[in-house]
C-alpha atoms as a PDB file:
ATOM      1  CA  MET A   1     -11.290  21.242   2.916  1.00  0.00           C
ATOM      2  CA  ASP A   2     -12.521  18.130   1.014  1.00  0.00           C
ATOM      3  CA  LYS A   3      -9.516  16.003   0.074  1.00  0.00           C
ATOM      4  CA  LYS A   4      -9.647  12.641  -1.548  1.00  0.00           C
ATOM      5  CA  MET A   5      -7.988   9.805   0.656  1.00  0.00           C
ATOM      6  CA  GLN A   6      -5.394   8.055  -1.268  1.00  0.00           C
ATOM      7  CA  LYS A   7      -4.566   4.449  -0.559  1.00  0.00           C
ATOM      8  CA  MET A   8      -0.889   4.035   0.655  1.00  0.00           C
ATOM      9  CA  PRO A   9       0.906   1.226  -1.395  1.00  0.00           C
ATOM     10  CA  GLU A  10       1.109  -1.912   0.634  1.00  0.00           C
ATOM     11  CA  GLU A  11       4.928  -2.168   0.821  1.00  0.00           C
ATOM     12  CA  GLU A  12       5.079   1.475   2.029  1.00  0.00           C
ATOM     13  CA  LEU A  13       2.554   0.729   4.668  1.00  0.00           C
ATOM     14  CA  LYS A  14       4.461  -2.281   5.862  1.00  0.00           C
ATOM     15  CA  GLU A  15       7.674  -0.244   6.165  1.00  0.00           C
ATOM     16  CA  GLU A  16       5.886   2.545   8.046  1.00  0.00           C
ATOM     17  CA  ILE A  17       4.334   0.071  10.537  1.00  0.00           C
ATOM     18  CA  ARG A  18       7.633  -1.704  11.104  1.00  0.00           C
ATOM     19  CA  ASP A  19       9.564   1.603  11.611  1.00  0.00           C
ATOM     20  CA  PHE A  20       6.718   2.737  14.085  1.00  0.00           C
ATOM     21  CA  LEU A  21       6.942  -0.514  16.128  1.00  0.00           C
ATOM     22  CA  THR A  22      10.713  -0.725  16.014  1.00  0.00           C
ATOM     23  CA  ASN A  23      11.106   2.565  17.843  1.00  0.00           C
ATOM     24  CA  ARG A  24       8.568   1.415  20.693  1.00  0.00           C
ATOM     25  CA  LYS A  25       8.738  -1.210  23.464  1.00  0.00           C
ATOM     26  CA  ILE A  26       5.269  -0.676  25.142  1.00  0.00           C
ATOM     27  CA  LEU A  27       1.863  -0.885  23.552  1.00  0.00           C
ATOM     28  CA  VAL A  28      -1.505  -0.543  25.326  1.00  0.00           C
ATOM     29  CA  LEU A  29      -4.274  -3.112  24.333  1.00  0.00           C
ATOM     30  CA  CYS A  30      -7.595  -1.652  24.609  1.00  0.00           C
ATOM     31  CA  THR A  31     -10.822  -3.680  24.685  1.00  0.00           C
ATOM     32  CA  CYS A  32     -14.465  -3.295  25.763  1.00  0.00           C
ATOM     33  CA  SER A  33     -17.020  -5.667  27.014  1.00  0.00           C
ATOM     34  CA  ASN A  34     -20.390  -4.881  28.245  1.00  0.00           C
ATOM     35  CA  ASN A  35     -19.583  -1.146  27.835  1.00  0.00           C
ATOM     36  CA  ILE A  36     -16.792  -1.481  30.316  1.00  0.00           C
ATOM     37  CA  PRO A  37     -13.508  -0.359  28.731  1.00  0.00           C
ATOM     38  CA  ARG A  38     -10.226  -1.973  29.804  1.00  0.00           C
ATOM     39  CA  ALA A  39      -6.592  -0.860  28.722  1.00  0.00           C
ATOM     40  CA  THR A  40      -3.576  -3.209  29.510  1.00  0.00           C
ATOM     41  CA  PRO A  41      -0.086  -2.099  29.054  1.00  0.00           C
ATOM     42  CA  MET A  42       2.120  -4.639  27.458  1.00  0.00           C
ATOM     43  CA  ASP A  43       5.902  -4.892  26.510  1.00  0.00           C
ATOM     44  CA  PHE A  44       6.568  -6.220  23.086  1.00  0.00           C
ATOM     45  CA  TYR A  45       9.482  -6.683  20.820  1.00  0.00           C
ATOM     46  CA  ILE A  46       9.830  -6.838  16.945  1.00  0.00           C
ATOM     47  CA  ASP A  47      12.600  -8.612  15.004  1.00  0.00           C
ATOM     48  CA  LYS A  48      15.057  -5.928  13.856  1.00  0.00           C
ATOM     49  CA  LYS A  49      15.932  -7.804  10.710  1.00  0.00           C
ATOM     50  CA  PRO A  50      13.167  -8.164   8.110  1.00  0.00           C
ATOM     51  CA  PRO A  51      12.486 -11.634   6.802  1.00  0.00           C
ATOM     52  CA  SER A  52      14.202 -12.580   3.536  1.00  0.00           C
ATOM     53  CA  SER A  53      11.849 -12.836   0.570  1.00  0.00           C
ATOM     54  CA  SER A  54      12.022 -16.603   0.522  1.00  0.00           C
ATOM     55  CA  GLN A  55      10.457 -16.878   4.234  1.00  0.00           C
ATOM     56  CA  GLN A  56       6.846 -17.095   4.625  1.00  0.00           C
ATOM     57  CA  ILE A  57       5.569 -13.955   6.468  1.00  0.00           C
ATOM     58  CA  SER A  58       2.489 -14.177   8.757  1.00  0.00           C
ATOM     59  CA  GLY A  59       0.970 -12.085  11.361  1.00  0.00           C
ATOM     60  CA  PRO A  60      -1.575  -9.178  11.575  1.00  0.00           C
ATOM     61  CA  PHE A  61       0.172  -6.839   9.270  1.00  0.00           C
ATOM     62  CA  TRP A  62       1.503  -9.188   6.612  1.00  0.00           C
END
């Protein structure tokens, strides 16, 4: 089946990412150099409370 890809609204995407990350505590960072892959497990945390609209938001997803 050939379906057109629809772009998710930015705010909905941010909410989905935050929900996904809030329910997890470990990630695996994967890189590759000279065709040699490496996977490094890492613990992480995310603030449970979203920033207020007056705060500057920065980071990879914002």
